[in-house]
Amino acid sequence: MINMAKVLYNLCKRNGTVMEYSITGSEVAELISCKKQDVYNSTSYGQMIRKEFYVEVVDRPLSRTKDLTLLLEYDRVCREILERCG
């Protein structure tokens, strides 16, 4: 069984106030007593949940390829900075 990283969301009120930071979709659904599908519809289509809340994605897992690409780029930039600074 593969352990997949979960997407994290901010739960916001209609006026833009963030109620909860960096929680999973299941936690959002439990916190405001809605279906998980409502959470995903809010992030995907901008739908309000119960006309009071919306959810925004704050942390999305990357693929192994993208992770590797980012790490290689970071390593390259670090080496370049070290070479220039002595």
C-alpha atoms as a PDB file:
ATOM      1  CA  MET A   1       0.000   0.000   0.000  1.00  0.00           C
ATOM      2  CA  ILE A   2       1.339   3.433  -0.970  1.00  0.00           C
ATOM      3  CA  ASN A   3       1.087   6.212   1.612  1.00  0.00           C
ATOM      4  CA  MET A   4      -0.098   9.272  -0.326  1.00  0.00           C
ATOM      5  CA  ALA A   5       0.407  12.817   0.926  1.00  0.00           C
ATOM      6  CA  LYS A   6      -2.794  14.714   1.608  1.00  0.00           C
ATOM      7  CA  VAL A   7      -3.726  18.095   0.240  1.00  0.00           C
ATOM      8  CA  LEU A   8      -4.092  20.797   2.895  1.00  0.00           C
ATOM      9  CA  TYR A   9      -6.734  23.518   2.866  1.00  0.00           C
ATOM     10  CA  ASN A  10      -7.624  26.766   4.609  1.00  0.00           C
ATOM     11  CA  LEU A  11     -11.250  26.995   5.711  1.00  0.00           C
ATOM     12  CA  CYS A  12     -12.528  30.532   5.158  1.00  0.00           C
ATOM     13  CA  LYS A  13     -15.700  32.428   5.978  1.00  0.00           C
ATOM     14  CA  ARG A  14     -17.544  34.243   3.224  1.00  0.00           C
ATOM     15  CA  ASN A  15     -15.893  37.557   4.251  1.00  0.00           C
ATOM     16  CA  GLY A  16     -12.402  36.083   3.715  1.00  0.00           C
ATOM     17  CA  THR A  17     -11.530  35.424   7.349  1.00  0.00           C
ATOM     18  CA  VAL A  18      -9.571  32.186   7.690  1.00  0.00           C
ATOM     19  CA  MET A  19     -11.168  29.997  10.364  1.00  0.00           C
ATOM     20  CA  GLU A  20      -8.697  27.104  10.234  1.00  0.00           C
ATOM     21  CA  TYR A  21      -5.291  26.896   8.595  1.00  0.00           C
ATOM     22  CA  SER A  22      -3.757  23.852   6.877  1.00  0.00           C
ATOM     23  CA  ILE A  23      -6.296  21.121   7.544  1.00  0.00           C
ATOM     24  CA  THR A  24      -7.286  18.102   5.455  1.00  0.00           C
ATOM     25  CA  GLY A  25     -10.493  17.823   3.456  1.00  0.00           C
ATOM     26  CA  SER A  26     -11.873  15.323   5.964  1.00  0.00           C
ATOM     27  CA  GLU A  27     -11.172  17.723   8.819  1.00  0.00           C
ATOM     28  CA  VAL A  28     -12.936  20.551   6.962  1.00  0.00           C
ATOM     29  CA  ALA A  29     -15.981  18.341   6.375  1.00  0.00           C
ATOM     30  CA  GLU A  30     -16.068  17.278  10.021  1.00  0.00           C
ATOM     31  CA  LEU A  31     -15.561  20.800  11.354  1.00  0.00           C
ATOM     32  CA  ILE A  32     -18.463  22.380   9.459  1.00  0.00           C
ATOM     33  CA  SER A  33     -20.624  19.247   9.132  1.00  0.00           C
ATOM     34  CA  CYS A  34     -20.636  18.920   5.357  1.00  0.00           C
ATOM     35  CA  LYS A  35     -19.784  16.242   2.808  1.00  0.00           C
ATOM     36  CA  LYS A  36     -16.231  15.776   1.533  1.00  0.00           C
ATOM     37  CA  GLN A  37     -17.623  16.342  -1.952  1.00  0.00           C
ATOM     38  CA  ASP A  38     -18.721  19.846  -0.864  1.00  0.00           C
ATOM     39  CA  VAL A  39     -15.119  20.578   0.140  1.00  0.00           C
ATOM     40  CA  TYR A  40     -13.762  19.419  -3.207  1.00  0.00           C
ATOM     41  CA  ASN A  41     -16.449  21.330  -5.131  1.00  0.00           C
ATOM     42  CA  SER A  42     -15.500  24.483  -3.245  1.00  0.00           C
ATOM     43  CA  THR A  43     -11.833  24.171  -4.192  1.00  0.00           C
ATOM     44  CA  SER A  44     -12.439  23.054  -7.769  1.00  0.00           C
ATOM     45  CA  TYR A  45     -15.375  25.232  -8.798  1.00  0.00           C
ATOM     46  CA  GLY A  46     -15.398  28.039  -6.233  1.00  0.00           C
ATOM     47  CA  GLN A  47     -18.718  26.935  -4.767  1.00  0.00           C
ATOM     48  CA  MET A  48     -19.688  28.172  -1.326  1.00  0.00           C
ATOM     49  CA  ILE A  49     -20.374  25.550   1.327  1.00  0.00           C
ATOM     50  CA  ARG A  50     -23.716  26.127   3.063  1.00  0.00           C
ATOM     51  CA  LYS A  51     -23.604  29.717   1.666  1.00  0.00           C
ATOM     52  CA  GLU A  52     -21.181  30.584   4.455  1.00  0.00           C
ATOM     53  CA  PHE A  53     -17.778  28.959   3.856  1.00  0.00           C
ATOM     54  CA  TYR A  54     -15.270  28.319   1.106  1.00  0.00           C
ATOM     55  CA  VAL A  55     -12.066  26.322   0.991  1.00  0.00           C
ATOM     56  CA  GLU A  56      -8.737  27.180  -0.614  1.00  0.00           C
ATOM     57  CA  VAL A  57      -5.846  24.829  -1.347  1.00  0.00           C
ATOM     58  CA  VAL A  58      -2.705  25.855   0.533  1.00  0.00           C
ATOM     59  CA  ASP A  59      -0.443  22.839   0.152  1.00  0.00           C
ATOM     60  CA  ARG A  60      -0.535  20.401  -2.719  1.00  0.00           C
ATOM     61  CA  PRO A  61       1.672  17.304  -2.872  1.00  0.00           C
ATOM     62  CA  LEU A  62       4.040  17.231  -5.830  1.00  0.00           C
ATOM     63  CA  SER A  63       4.946  14.270  -7.979  1.00  0.00           C
ATOM     64  CA  ARG A  64       8.293  12.540  -7.497  1.00  0.00           C
ATOM     65  CA  THR A  65       9.459  13.984 -10.809  1.00  0.00           C
ATOM     66  CA  LYS A  66       8.572  17.542  -9.771  1.00  0.00           C
ATOM     67  CA  ASP A  67      10.123  17.000  -6.322  1.00  0.00           C
ATOM     68  CA  LEU A  68      13.345  15.784  -7.917  1.00  0.00           C
ATOM     69  CA  THR A  69      13.393  18.668 -10.394  1.00  0.00           C
ATOM     70  CA  LEU A  70      12.930  21.209  -7.592  1.00  0.00           C
ATOM     71  CA  LEU A  71      15.656  19.622  -5.459  1.00  0.00           C
ATOM     72  CA  LEU A  72      18.105  19.557  -8.363  1.00  0.00           C
ATOM     73  CA  GLU A  73      17.376  23.207  -9.159  1.00  0.00           C
ATOM     74  CA  TYR A  74      17.845  24.136  -5.478  1.00  0.00           C
ATOM     75  CA  ASP A  75      21.155  22.273  -5.382  1.00  0.00           C
ATOM     76  CA  ARG A  76      22.355  23.989  -8.586  1.00  0.00           C
ATOM     77  CA  VAL A  77      21.473  27.454  -7.269  1.00  0.00           C
ATOM     78  CA  CYS A  78      23.152  26.769  -3.914  1.00  0.00           C
ATOM     79  CA  ARG A  79      26.360  25.666  -5.638  1.00  0.00           C
ATOM     80  CA  GLU A  80      26.292  28.738  -7.876  1.00  0.00           C
ATOM     81  CA  ILE A  81      25.873  31.049  -4.867  1.00  0.00           C
ATOM     82  CA  LEU A  82      28.725  29.333  -3.007  1.00  0.00           C
ATOM     83  CA  GLU A  83      31.010  29.645  -6.042  1.00  0.00           C
ATOM     84  CA  ARG A  84      30.260  33.361  -6.427  1.00  0.00           C
ATOM     85  CA  CYS A  85      30.645  34.150  -2.725  1.00  0.00           C
ATOM     86  CA  GLY A  86      33.873  32.299  -2.252  1.00  0.00           C
END
